[in-house]
Amino acid sequence: MAAVVAKSGGTISHIRVAVTGVGEVAYRAKAVEAALAGTDGSAAAIAAAAAHATDGVSVNSDIHADSAYRTRMAEIYARRALEVALGRSA
């Protein structure tokens, strides 16, 4: 999981979120980006945006982790990456 975030005038003006280990290939989590863009980057906004980490992705399931687990971990790691990108402790 990787996140790059920039704020301008107190709101998020630029955001990119990349995810790997969830689907067949790494991808940009555009639903997370759209949900967080223009917000103040509050903890509530981050949590709401992170919930979209697997939107539109066929989540893998194998002997190491089922799809429900990977979906939940993607949300958690998206939240943590966004917090770090915004300069907060994860």
PDB file of N, CA and C in Angstrom:
ATOM      1  N   MET A   1       0.853  -1.164   0.000  1.00  0.00           N
ATOM      2  CA  MET A   1       0.000   0.000   0.000  1.00  0.00           C
ATOM      3  C   MET A   1       0.896   1.223   0.000  1.00  0.00           C
ATOM      4  N   ALA A   2       0.556   2.176  -0.826  1.00  0.00           N
ATOM      5  CA  ALA A   2       1.292   3.435  -0.862  1.00  0.00           C
ATOM      6  C   ALA A   2       0.311   4.568  -1.055  1.00  0.00           C
ATOM      7  N   ALA A   3       0.588   5.700  -0.421  1.00  0.00           N
ATOM      8  CA  ALA A   3      -0.280   6.868  -0.565  1.00  0.00           C
ATOM      9  C   ALA A   3       0.560   8.128  -0.642  1.00  0.00           C
ATOM     10  N   VAL A   4       0.150   9.022  -1.518  1.00  0.00           N
ATOM     11  CA  VAL A   4       0.748  10.346  -1.637  1.00  0.00           C
ATOM     12  C   VAL A   4      -0.400  11.330  -1.528  1.00  0.00           C
ATOM     13  N   VAL A   5      -0.270  12.280  -0.609  1.00  0.00           N
ATOM     14  CA  VAL A   5      -1.346  13.234  -0.363  1.00  0.00           C
ATOM     15  C   VAL A   5      -0.754  14.635  -0.235  1.00  0.00           C
ATOM     16  N   ALA A   6      -1.424  15.621  -0.838  1.00  0.00           N
ATOM     17  CA  ALA A   6      -1.039  17.022  -0.689  1.00  0.00           C
ATOM     18  C   ALA A   6      -2.274  17.820  -0.319  1.00  0.00           C
ATOM     19  N   LYS A   7      -2.069  18.786   0.581  1.00  0.00           N
ATOM     20  CA  LYS A   7      -3.163  19.665   0.993  1.00  0.00           C
ATOM     21  C   LYS A   7      -2.885  21.079   0.507  1.00  0.00           C
ATOM     22  N   SER A   8      -3.970  21.769   0.213  1.00  0.00           N
ATOM     23  CA  SER A   8      -3.890  23.166  -0.183  1.00  0.00           C
ATOM     24  C   SER A   8      -5.073  23.885   0.449  1.00  0.00           C
ATOM     25  N   GLY A   9      -4.792  24.905   1.230  1.00  0.00           N
ATOM     26  CA  GLY A   9      -5.866  25.645   1.868  1.00  0.00           C
ATOM     27  C   GLY A   9      -6.684  24.826   2.846  1.00  0.00           C
ATOM     28  N   GLY A  10      -6.068  23.823   3.461  1.00  0.00           N
ATOM     29  CA  GLY A  10      -6.762  23.012   4.455  1.00  0.00           C
ATOM     30  C   GLY A  10      -7.548  21.839   3.908  1.00  0.00           C
ATOM     31  N   THR A  11      -7.566  21.679   2.588  1.00  0.00           N
ATOM     32  CA  THR A  11      -8.265  20.527   2.001  1.00  0.00           C
ATOM     33  C   THR A  11      -7.305  19.724   1.139  1.00  0.00           C
ATOM     34  N   ILE A  12      -7.643  18.474   0.948  1.00  0.00           N
ATOM     35  CA  ILE A  12      -6.795  17.598   0.137  1.00  0.00           C
ATOM     36  C   ILE A  12      -6.981  17.948  -1.334  1.00  0.00           C
ATOM     37  N   SER A  13      -5.867  18.340  -1.950  1.00  0.00           N
ATOM     38  CA  SER A  13      -5.904  18.778  -3.345  1.00  0.00           C
ATOM     39  C   SER A  13      -5.329  17.745  -4.308  1.00  0.00           C
ATOM     40  N   HIS A  14      -4.531  16.828  -3.798  1.00  0.00           N
ATOM     41  CA  HIS A  14      -3.903  15.793  -4.642  1.00  0.00           C
ATOM     42  C   HIS A  14      -3.796  14.518  -3.818  1.00  0.00           C
ATOM     43  N   ILE A  15      -4.195  13.424  -4.431  1.00  0.00           N
ATOM     44  CA  ILE A  15      -4.105  12.143  -3.727  1.00  0.00           C
ATOM     45  C   ILE A  15      -3.937  11.016  -4.730  1.00  0.00           C
ATOM     46  N   ARG A  16      -3.050  10.098  -4.404  1.00  0.00           N
ATOM     47  CA  ARG A  16      -2.862   8.874  -5.171  1.00  0.00           C
ATOM     48  C   ARG A  16      -2.674   7.747  -4.169  1.00  0.00           C
ATOM     49  N   VAL A  17      -3.387   6.640  -4.397  1.00  0.00           N
ATOM     50  CA  VAL A  17      -3.296   5.479  -3.521  1.00  0.00           C
ATOM     51  C   VAL A  17      -3.082   4.247  -4.394  1.00  0.00           C
ATOM     52  N   ALA A  18      -2.043   3.473  -4.090  1.00  0.00           N
ATOM     53  CA  ALA A  18      -1.739   2.259  -4.836  1.00  0.00           C
ATOM     54  C   ALA A  18      -1.834   1.052  -3.906  1.00  0.00           C
ATOM     55  N   VAL A  19      -2.361  -0.043  -4.445  1.00  0.00           N
ATOM     56  CA  VAL A  19      -2.589  -1.249  -3.650  1.00  0.00           C
ATOM     57  C   VAL A  19      -1.987  -2.452  -4.373  1.00  0.00           C
ATOM     58  N   THR A  20      -1.378  -3.334  -3.613  1.00  0.00           N
ATOM     59  CA  THR A  20      -0.877  -4.589  -4.153  1.00  0.00           C
ATOM     60  C   THR A  20      -1.195  -5.702  -3.163  1.00  0.00           C
ATOM     61  N   GLY A  21      -1.218  -6.942  -3.634  1.00  0.00           N
ATOM     62  CA  GLY A  21      -1.474  -8.073  -2.755  1.00  0.00           C
ATOM     63  C   GLY A  21      -2.947  -8.363  -2.530  1.00  0.00           C
ATOM     64  N   VAL A  22      -3.804  -7.707  -3.280  1.00  0.00           N
ATOM     65  CA  VAL A  22      -5.243  -7.888  -3.108  1.00  0.00           C
ATOM     66  C   VAL A  22      -5.854  -8.604  -4.308  1.00  0.00           C
ATOM     67  N   GLY A  23      -5.578  -8.091  -5.486  1.00  0.00           N
ATOM     68  CA  GLY A  23      -6.112  -8.668  -6.720  1.00  0.00           C
ATOM     69  C   GLY A  23      -5.016  -9.313  -7.539  1.00  0.00           C
ATOM     70  N   GLU A  24      -5.316  -9.535  -8.792  1.00  0.00           N
ATOM     71  CA  GLU A  24      -4.334 -10.171  -9.688  1.00  0.00           C
ATOM     72  C   GLU A  24      -3.133  -9.281  -9.967  1.00  0.00           C
ATOM     73  N   VAL A  25      -3.351  -7.964 -10.000  1.00  0.00           N
ATOM     74  CA  VAL A  25      -2.280  -7.007 -10.271  1.00  0.00           C
ATOM     75  C   VAL A  25      -2.401  -5.831  -9.312  1.00  0.00           C
ATOM     76  N   ALA A  26      -1.325  -5.080  -9.172  1.00  0.00           N
ATOM     77  CA  ALA A  26      -1.373  -3.846  -8.386  1.00  0.00           C
ATOM     78  C   ALA A  26      -2.305  -2.865  -9.101  1.00  0.00           C
ATOM     79  N   TYR A  27      -2.935  -1.986  -8.325  1.00  0.00           N
ATOM     80  CA  TYR A  27      -3.881  -1.040  -8.924  1.00  0.00           C
ATOM     81  C   TYR A  27      -3.937   0.246  -8.115  1.00  0.00           C
ATOM     82  N   ARG A  28      -4.445   1.296  -8.765  1.00  0.00           N
ATOM     83  CA  ARG A  28      -4.731   2.534  -8.058  1.00  0.00           C
ATOM     84  C   ARG A  28      -6.122   2.436  -7.473  1.00  0.00           C
ATOM     85  N   ALA A  29      -6.263   2.796  -6.227  1.00  0.00           N
ATOM     86  CA  ALA A  29      -7.562   2.764  -5.549  1.00  0.00           C
ATOM     87  C   ALA A  29      -8.265   4.095  -5.806  1.00  0.00           C
ATOM     88  N   LYS A  30      -8.822   4.232  -7.012  1.00  0.00           N
ATOM     89  CA  LYS A  30      -9.433   5.492  -7.428  1.00  0.00           C
ATOM     90  C   LYS A  30     -10.657   5.850  -6.598  1.00  0.00           C
ATOM     91  N   ALA A  31     -11.366   4.851  -6.071  1.00  0.00           N
ATOM     92  CA  ALA A  31     -12.524   5.142  -5.224  1.00  0.00           C
ATOM     93  C   ALA A  31     -12.078   5.777  -3.905  1.00  0.00           C
ATOM     94  N   VAL A  32     -10.949   5.347  -3.378  1.00  0.00           N
ATOM     95  CA  VAL A  32     -10.396   5.955  -2.168  1.00  0.00           C
ATOM     96  C   VAL A  32      -9.996   7.395  -2.472  1.00  0.00           C
ATOM     97  N   GLU A  33      -9.313   7.582  -3.588  1.00  0.00           N
ATOM     98  CA  GLU A  33      -8.879   8.921  -3.987  1.00  0.00           C
ATOM     99  C   GLU A  33     -10.073   9.865  -4.132  1.00  0.00           C
ATOM    100  N   ALA A  34     -11.110   9.409  -4.805  1.00  0.00           N
ATOM    101  CA  ALA A  34     -12.296  10.241  -5.021  1.00  0.00           C
ATOM    102  C   ALA A  34     -13.002  10.568  -3.709  1.00  0.00           C
ATOM    103  N   ALA A  35     -13.045   9.601  -2.800  1.00  0.00           N
ATOM    104  CA  ALA A  35     -13.732   9.817  -1.530  1.00  0.00           C
ATOM    105  C   ALA A  35     -12.992  10.801  -0.627  1.00  0.00           C
ATOM    106  N   LEU A  36     -11.678  10.884  -0.747  1.00  0.00           N
ATOM    107  CA  LEU A  36     -10.898  11.742   0.146  1.00  0.00           C
ATOM    108  C   LEU A  36     -10.584  13.107  -0.457  1.00  0.00           C
ATOM    109  N   ALA A  37     -10.563  13.214  -1.768  1.00  0.00           N
ATOM    110  CA  ALA A  37     -10.251  14.486  -2.427  1.00  0.00           C
ATOM    111  C   ALA A  37     -11.261  15.555  -2.011  1.00  0.00           C
ATOM    112  N   GLY A  38     -10.741  16.722  -1.680  1.00  0.00           N
ATOM    113  CA  GLY A  38     -11.594  17.839  -1.301  1.00  0.00           C
ATOM    114  C   GLY A  38     -12.023  17.860   0.158  1.00  0.00           C
ATOM    115  N   THR A  39     -11.662  16.822   0.919  1.00  0.00           N
ATOM    116  CA  THR A  39     -12.011  16.789   2.345  1.00  0.00           C
ATOM    117  C   THR A  39     -10.891  17.445   3.153  1.00  0.00           C
ATOM    118  N   ASP A  40     -11.110  17.553   4.444  1.00  0.00           N
ATOM    119  CA  ASP A  40     -10.098  18.119   5.326  1.00  0.00           C
ATOM    120  C   ASP A  40      -9.077  17.084   5.794  1.00  0.00           C
ATOM    121  N   GLY A  41      -9.289  15.816   5.433  1.00  0.00           N
ATOM    122  CA  GLY A  41      -8.359  14.760   5.834  1.00  0.00           C
ATOM    123  C   GLY A  41      -8.519  14.354   7.277  1.00  0.00           C
ATOM    124  N   SER A  42      -9.692  14.570   7.831  1.00  0.00           N
ATOM    125  CA  SER A  42      -9.945  14.188   9.222  1.00  0.00           C
ATOM    126  C   SER A  42      -9.917  12.672   9.360  1.00  0.00           C
ATOM    127  N   ALA A  43      -9.848  12.208  10.590  1.00  0.00           N
ATOM    128  CA  ALA A  43      -9.838  10.767  10.850  1.00  0.00           C
ATOM    129  C   ALA A  43     -11.094  10.111  10.288  1.00  0.00           C
ATOM    130  N   ALA A  44     -12.226  10.768  10.417  1.00  0.00           N
ATOM    131  CA  ALA A  44     -13.480  10.219   9.889  1.00  0.00           C
ATOM    132  C   ALA A  44     -13.459  10.151   8.364  1.00  0.00           C
ATOM    133  N   ALA A  45     -12.912  11.182   7.721  1.00  0.00           N
ATOM    134  CA  ALA A  45     -12.831  11.193   6.250  1.00  0.00           C
ATOM    135  C   ALA A  45     -11.889  10.104   5.752  1.00  0.00           C
ATOM    136  N   ILE A  46     -10.780   9.916   6.458  1.00  0.00           N
ATOM    137  CA  ILE A  46      -9.819   8.872   6.085  1.00  0.00           C
ATOM    138  C   ILE A  46     -10.463   7.494   6.212  1.00  0.00           C
ATOM    139  N   ALA A  47     -11.131   7.254   7.325  1.00  0.00           N
ATOM    140  CA  ALA A  47     -11.765   5.953   7.550  1.00  0.00           C
ATOM    141  C   ALA A  47     -12.835   5.676   6.494  1.00  0.00           C
ATOM    142  N   ALA A  48     -13.626   6.682   6.176  1.00  0.00           N
ATOM    143  CA  ALA A  48     -14.675   6.506   5.166  1.00  0.00           C
ATOM    144  C   ALA A  48     -14.076   6.230   3.792  1.00  0.00           C
ATOM    145  N   ALA A  49     -13.011   6.923   3.458  1.00  0.00           N
ATOM    146  CA  ALA A  49     -12.362   6.715   2.163  1.00  0.00           C
ATOM    147  C   ALA A  49     -11.691   5.346   2.088  1.00  0.00           C
ATOM    148  N   ALA A  50     -11.016   4.946   3.158  1.00  0.00           N
ATOM    149  CA  ALA A  50     -10.307   3.668   3.183  1.00  0.00           C
ATOM    150  C   ALA A  50     -11.247   2.487   2.987  1.00  0.00           C
ATOM    151  N   ALA A  51     -12.488   2.649   3.355  1.00  0.00           N
ATOM    152  CA  ALA A  51     -13.477   1.573   3.185  1.00  0.00           C
ATOM    153  C   ALA A  51     -13.697   1.219   1.718  1.00  0.00           C
ATOM    154  N   HIS A  52     -13.219   2.065   0.815  1.00  0.00           N
ATOM    155  CA  HIS A  52     -13.383   1.835  -0.621  1.00  0.00           C
ATOM    156  C   HIS A  52     -12.138   1.213  -1.266  1.00  0.00           C
ATOM    157  N   ALA A  53     -11.209   0.711  -0.479  1.00  0.00           N
ATOM    158  CA  ALA A  53      -9.925   0.221  -0.995  1.00  0.00           C
ATOM    159  C   ALA A  53     -10.050  -0.911  -2.007  1.00  0.00           C
ATOM    160  N   THR A  54     -11.103  -1.690  -1.937  1.00  0.00           N
ATOM    161  CA  THR A  54     -11.241  -2.813  -2.873  1.00  0.00           C
ATOM    162  C   THR A  54     -12.431  -2.643  -3.824  1.00  0.00           C
ATOM    163  N   ASP A  55     -12.998  -1.456  -3.879  1.00  0.00           N
ATOM    164  CA  ASP A  55     -14.120  -1.223  -4.798  1.00  0.00           C
ATOM    165  C   ASP A  55     -13.716  -1.551  -6.237  1.00  0.00           C
ATOM    166  N   GLY A  56     -14.522  -2.337  -6.905  1.00  0.00           N
ATOM    167  CA  GLY A  56     -14.297  -2.670  -8.308  1.00  0.00           C
ATOM    168  C   GLY A  56     -13.185  -3.666  -8.559  1.00  0.00           C
ATOM    169  N   VAL A  57     -12.685  -4.311  -7.519  1.00  0.00           N
ATOM    170  CA  VAL A  57     -11.569  -5.256  -7.658  1.00  0.00           C
ATOM    171  C   VAL A  57     -12.039  -6.646  -7.262  1.00  0.00           C
ATOM    172  N   SER A  58     -11.633  -7.631  -8.036  1.00  0.00           N
ATOM    173  CA  SER A  58     -11.885  -9.018  -7.675  1.00  0.00           C
ATOM    174  C   SER A  58     -10.786  -9.430  -6.690  1.00  0.00           C
ATOM    175  N   VAL A  59     -11.166  -9.557  -5.425  1.00  0.00           N
ATOM    176  CA  VAL A  59     -10.192  -9.819  -4.366  1.00  0.00           C
ATOM    177  C   VAL A  59      -9.821 -11.307  -4.358  1.00  0.00           C
ATOM    178  N   ASN A  60      -8.509 -11.560  -4.362  1.00  0.00           N
ATOM    179  CA  ASN A  60      -8.002 -12.931  -4.358  1.00  0.00           C
ATOM    180  C   ASN A  60      -8.342 -13.667  -3.066  1.00  0.00           C
ATOM    181  N   SER A  61      -8.403 -14.973  -3.177  1.00  0.00           N
ATOM    182  CA  SER A  61      -8.569 -15.855  -2.028  1.00  0.00           C
ATOM    183  C   SER A  61      -7.696 -17.071  -2.286  1.00  0.00           C
ATOM    184  N   ASP A  62      -6.859 -17.421  -1.308  1.00  0.00           N
ATOM    185  CA  ASP A  62      -5.995 -18.583  -1.478  1.00  0.00           C
ATOM    186  C   ASP A  62      -5.694 -19.193  -0.109  1.00  0.00           C
ATOM    187  N   ILE A  63      -4.717 -20.084  -0.052  1.00  0.00           N
ATOM    188  CA  ILE A  63      -4.416 -20.760   1.205  1.00  0.00           C
ATOM    189  C   ILE A  63      -3.828 -19.825   2.263  1.00  0.00           C
ATOM    190  N   HIS A  64      -3.350 -18.674   1.832  1.00  0.00           N
ATOM    191  CA  HIS A  64      -2.729 -17.731   2.759  1.00  0.00           C
ATOM    192  C   HIS A  64      -3.739 -16.776   3.383  1.00  0.00           C
ATOM    193  N   ALA A  65      -4.778 -16.419   2.629  1.00  0.00           N
ATOM    194  CA  ALA A  65      -5.790 -15.485   3.134  1.00  0.00           C
ATOM    195  C   ALA A  65      -7.018 -15.538   2.230  1.00  0.00           C
ATOM    196  N   ASP A  66      -8.193 -15.571   2.857  1.00  0.00           N
ATOM    197  CA  ASP A  66      -9.410 -15.556   2.045  1.00  0.00           C
ATOM    198  C   ASP A  66      -9.747 -14.120   1.642  1.00  0.00           C
ATOM    199  N   SER A  67     -10.724 -13.968   0.764  1.00  0.00           N
ATOM    200  CA  SER A  67     -11.039 -12.652   0.226  1.00  0.00           C
ATOM    201  C   SER A  67     -11.563 -11.694   1.292  1.00  0.00           C
ATOM    202  N   ALA A  68     -12.295 -12.189   2.270  1.00  0.00           N
ATOM    203  CA  ALA A  68     -12.798 -11.314   3.335  1.00  0.00           C
ATOM    204  C   ALA A  68     -11.646 -10.729   4.142  1.00  0.00           C
ATOM    205  N   TYR A  69     -10.656 -11.556   4.441  1.00  0.00           N
ATOM    206  CA  TYR A  69      -9.490 -11.093   5.191  1.00  0.00           C
ATOM    207  C   TYR A  69      -8.712 -10.059   4.379  1.00  0.00           C
ATOM    208  N   ARG A  70      -8.460 -10.356   3.103  1.00  0.00           N
ATOM    209  CA  ARG A  70      -7.718  -9.416   2.255  1.00  0.00           C
ATOM    210  C   ARG A  70      -8.463  -8.091   2.113  1.00  0.00           C
ATOM    211  N   THR A  71      -9.779  -8.153   2.009  1.00  0.00           N
ATOM    212  CA  THR A  71     -10.583  -6.935   1.900  1.00  0.00           C
ATOM    213  C   THR A  71     -10.421  -6.079   3.147  1.00  0.00           C
ATOM    214  N   ARG A  72     -10.509  -6.693   4.303  1.00  0.00           N
ATOM    215  CA  ARG A  72     -10.378  -5.959   5.571  1.00  0.00           C
ATOM    216  C   ARG A  72      -8.973  -5.409   5.747  1.00  0.00           C
ATOM    217  N   MET A  73      -7.965  -6.194   5.387  1.00  0.00           N
ATOM    218  CA  MET A  73      -6.588  -5.720   5.515  1.00  0.00           C
ATOM    219  C   MET A  73      -6.310  -4.567   4.554  1.00  0.00           C
ATOM    220  N   ALA A  74      -6.886  -4.607   3.366  1.00  0.00           N
ATOM    221  CA  ALA A  74      -6.711  -3.501   2.418  1.00  0.00           C
ATOM    222  C   ALA A  74      -7.270  -2.215   3.016  1.00  0.00           C
ATOM    223  N   GLU A  75      -8.408  -2.297   3.675  1.00  0.00           N
ATOM    224  CA  GLU A  75      -9.005  -1.126   4.312  1.00  0.00           C
ATOM    225  C   GLU A  75      -8.103  -0.596   5.434  1.00  0.00           C
ATOM    226  N   ILE A  76      -7.620  -1.493   6.258  1.00  0.00           N
ATOM    227  CA  ILE A  76      -6.757  -1.089   7.377  1.00  0.00           C
ATOM    228  C   ILE A  76      -5.462  -0.465   6.874  1.00  0.00           C
ATOM    229  N   TYR A  77      -4.818  -1.113   5.904  1.00  0.00           N
ATOM    230  CA  TYR A  77      -3.558  -0.580   5.397  1.00  0.00           C
ATOM    231  C   TYR A  77      -3.757   0.700   4.603  1.00  0.00           C
ATOM    232  N   ALA A  78      -4.885   0.861   3.935  1.00  0.00           N
ATOM    233  CA  ALA A  78      -5.180   2.130   3.244  1.00  0.00           C
ATOM    234  C   ALA A  78      -5.298   3.248   4.274  1.00  0.00           C
ATOM    235  N   ARG A  79      -6.015   3.000   5.355  1.00  0.00           N
ATOM    236  CA  ARG A  79      -6.157   4.008   6.406  1.00  0.00           C
ATOM    237  C   ARG A  79      -4.795   4.384   6.975  1.00  0.00           C
ATOM    238  N   ARG A  80      -3.983   3.390   7.280  1.00  0.00           N
ATOM    239  CA  ARG A  80      -2.661   3.658   7.856  1.00  0.00           C
ATOM    240  C   ARG A  80      -1.773   4.441   6.891  1.00  0.00           C
ATOM    241  N   ALA A  81      -1.783   4.062   5.617  1.00  0.00           N
ATOM    242  CA  ALA A  81      -0.961   4.758   4.623  1.00  0.00           C
ATOM    243  C   ALA A  81      -1.404   6.207   4.472  1.00  0.00           C
ATOM    244  N   LEU A  82      -2.703   6.439   4.492  1.00  0.00           N
ATOM    245  CA  LEU A  82      -3.219   7.806   4.385  1.00  0.00           C
ATOM    246  C   LEU A  82      -2.845   8.629   5.618  1.00  0.00           C
ATOM    247  N   GLU A  83      -2.924   8.031   6.781  1.00  0.00           N
ATOM    248  CA  GLU A  83      -2.538   8.737   8.007  1.00  0.00           C
ATOM    249  C   GLU A  83      -1.064   9.134   7.964  1.00  0.00           C
ATOM    250  N   VAL A  84      -0.216   8.223   7.530  1.00  0.00           N
ATOM    251  CA  VAL A  84       1.216   8.520   7.438  1.00  0.00           C
ATOM    252  C   VAL A  84       1.455   9.601   6.387  1.00  0.00           C
ATOM    253  N   ALA A  85       0.791   9.507   5.247  1.00  0.00           N
ATOM    254  CA  ALA A  85       0.964  10.497   4.183  1.00  0.00           C
ATOM    255  C   ALA A  85       0.535  11.893   4.634  1.00  0.00           C
ATOM    256  N   LEU A  86      -0.422  11.942   5.542  1.00  0.00           N
ATOM    257  CA  LEU A  86      -0.888  13.227   6.068  1.00  0.00           C
ATOM    258  C   LEU A  86      -0.110  13.669   7.304  1.00  0.00           C
ATOM    259  N   GLY A  87       0.929  12.904   7.649  1.00  0.00           N
ATOM    260  CA  GLY A  87       1.805  13.291   8.742  1.00  0.00           C
ATOM    261  C   GLY A  87       1.293  12.949  10.122  1.00  0.00           C
ATOM    262  N   ARG A  88       0.395  11.961  10.184  1.00  0.00           N
ATOM    263  CA  ARG A  88      -0.118  11.508  11.473  1.00  0.00           C
ATOM    264  C   ARG A  88       0.512  10.170  11.794  1.00  0.00           C
ATOM    265  N   SER A  89       0.507   9.804  13.055  1.00  0.00           N
ATOM    266  CA  SER A  89       1.025   8.488  13.402  1.00  0.00           C
ATOM    267  C   SER A  89      -0.025   7.431  13.059  1.00  0.00           C
ATOM    268  N   ALA A  90       0.453   6.292  12.612  1.00  0.00           N
ATOM    269  CA  ALA A  90      -0.456   5.219  12.197  1.00  0.00           C
ATOM    270  C   ALA A  90      -0.754   4.290  13.337  1.00  0.00           C
TER     271      ALA A  90
END
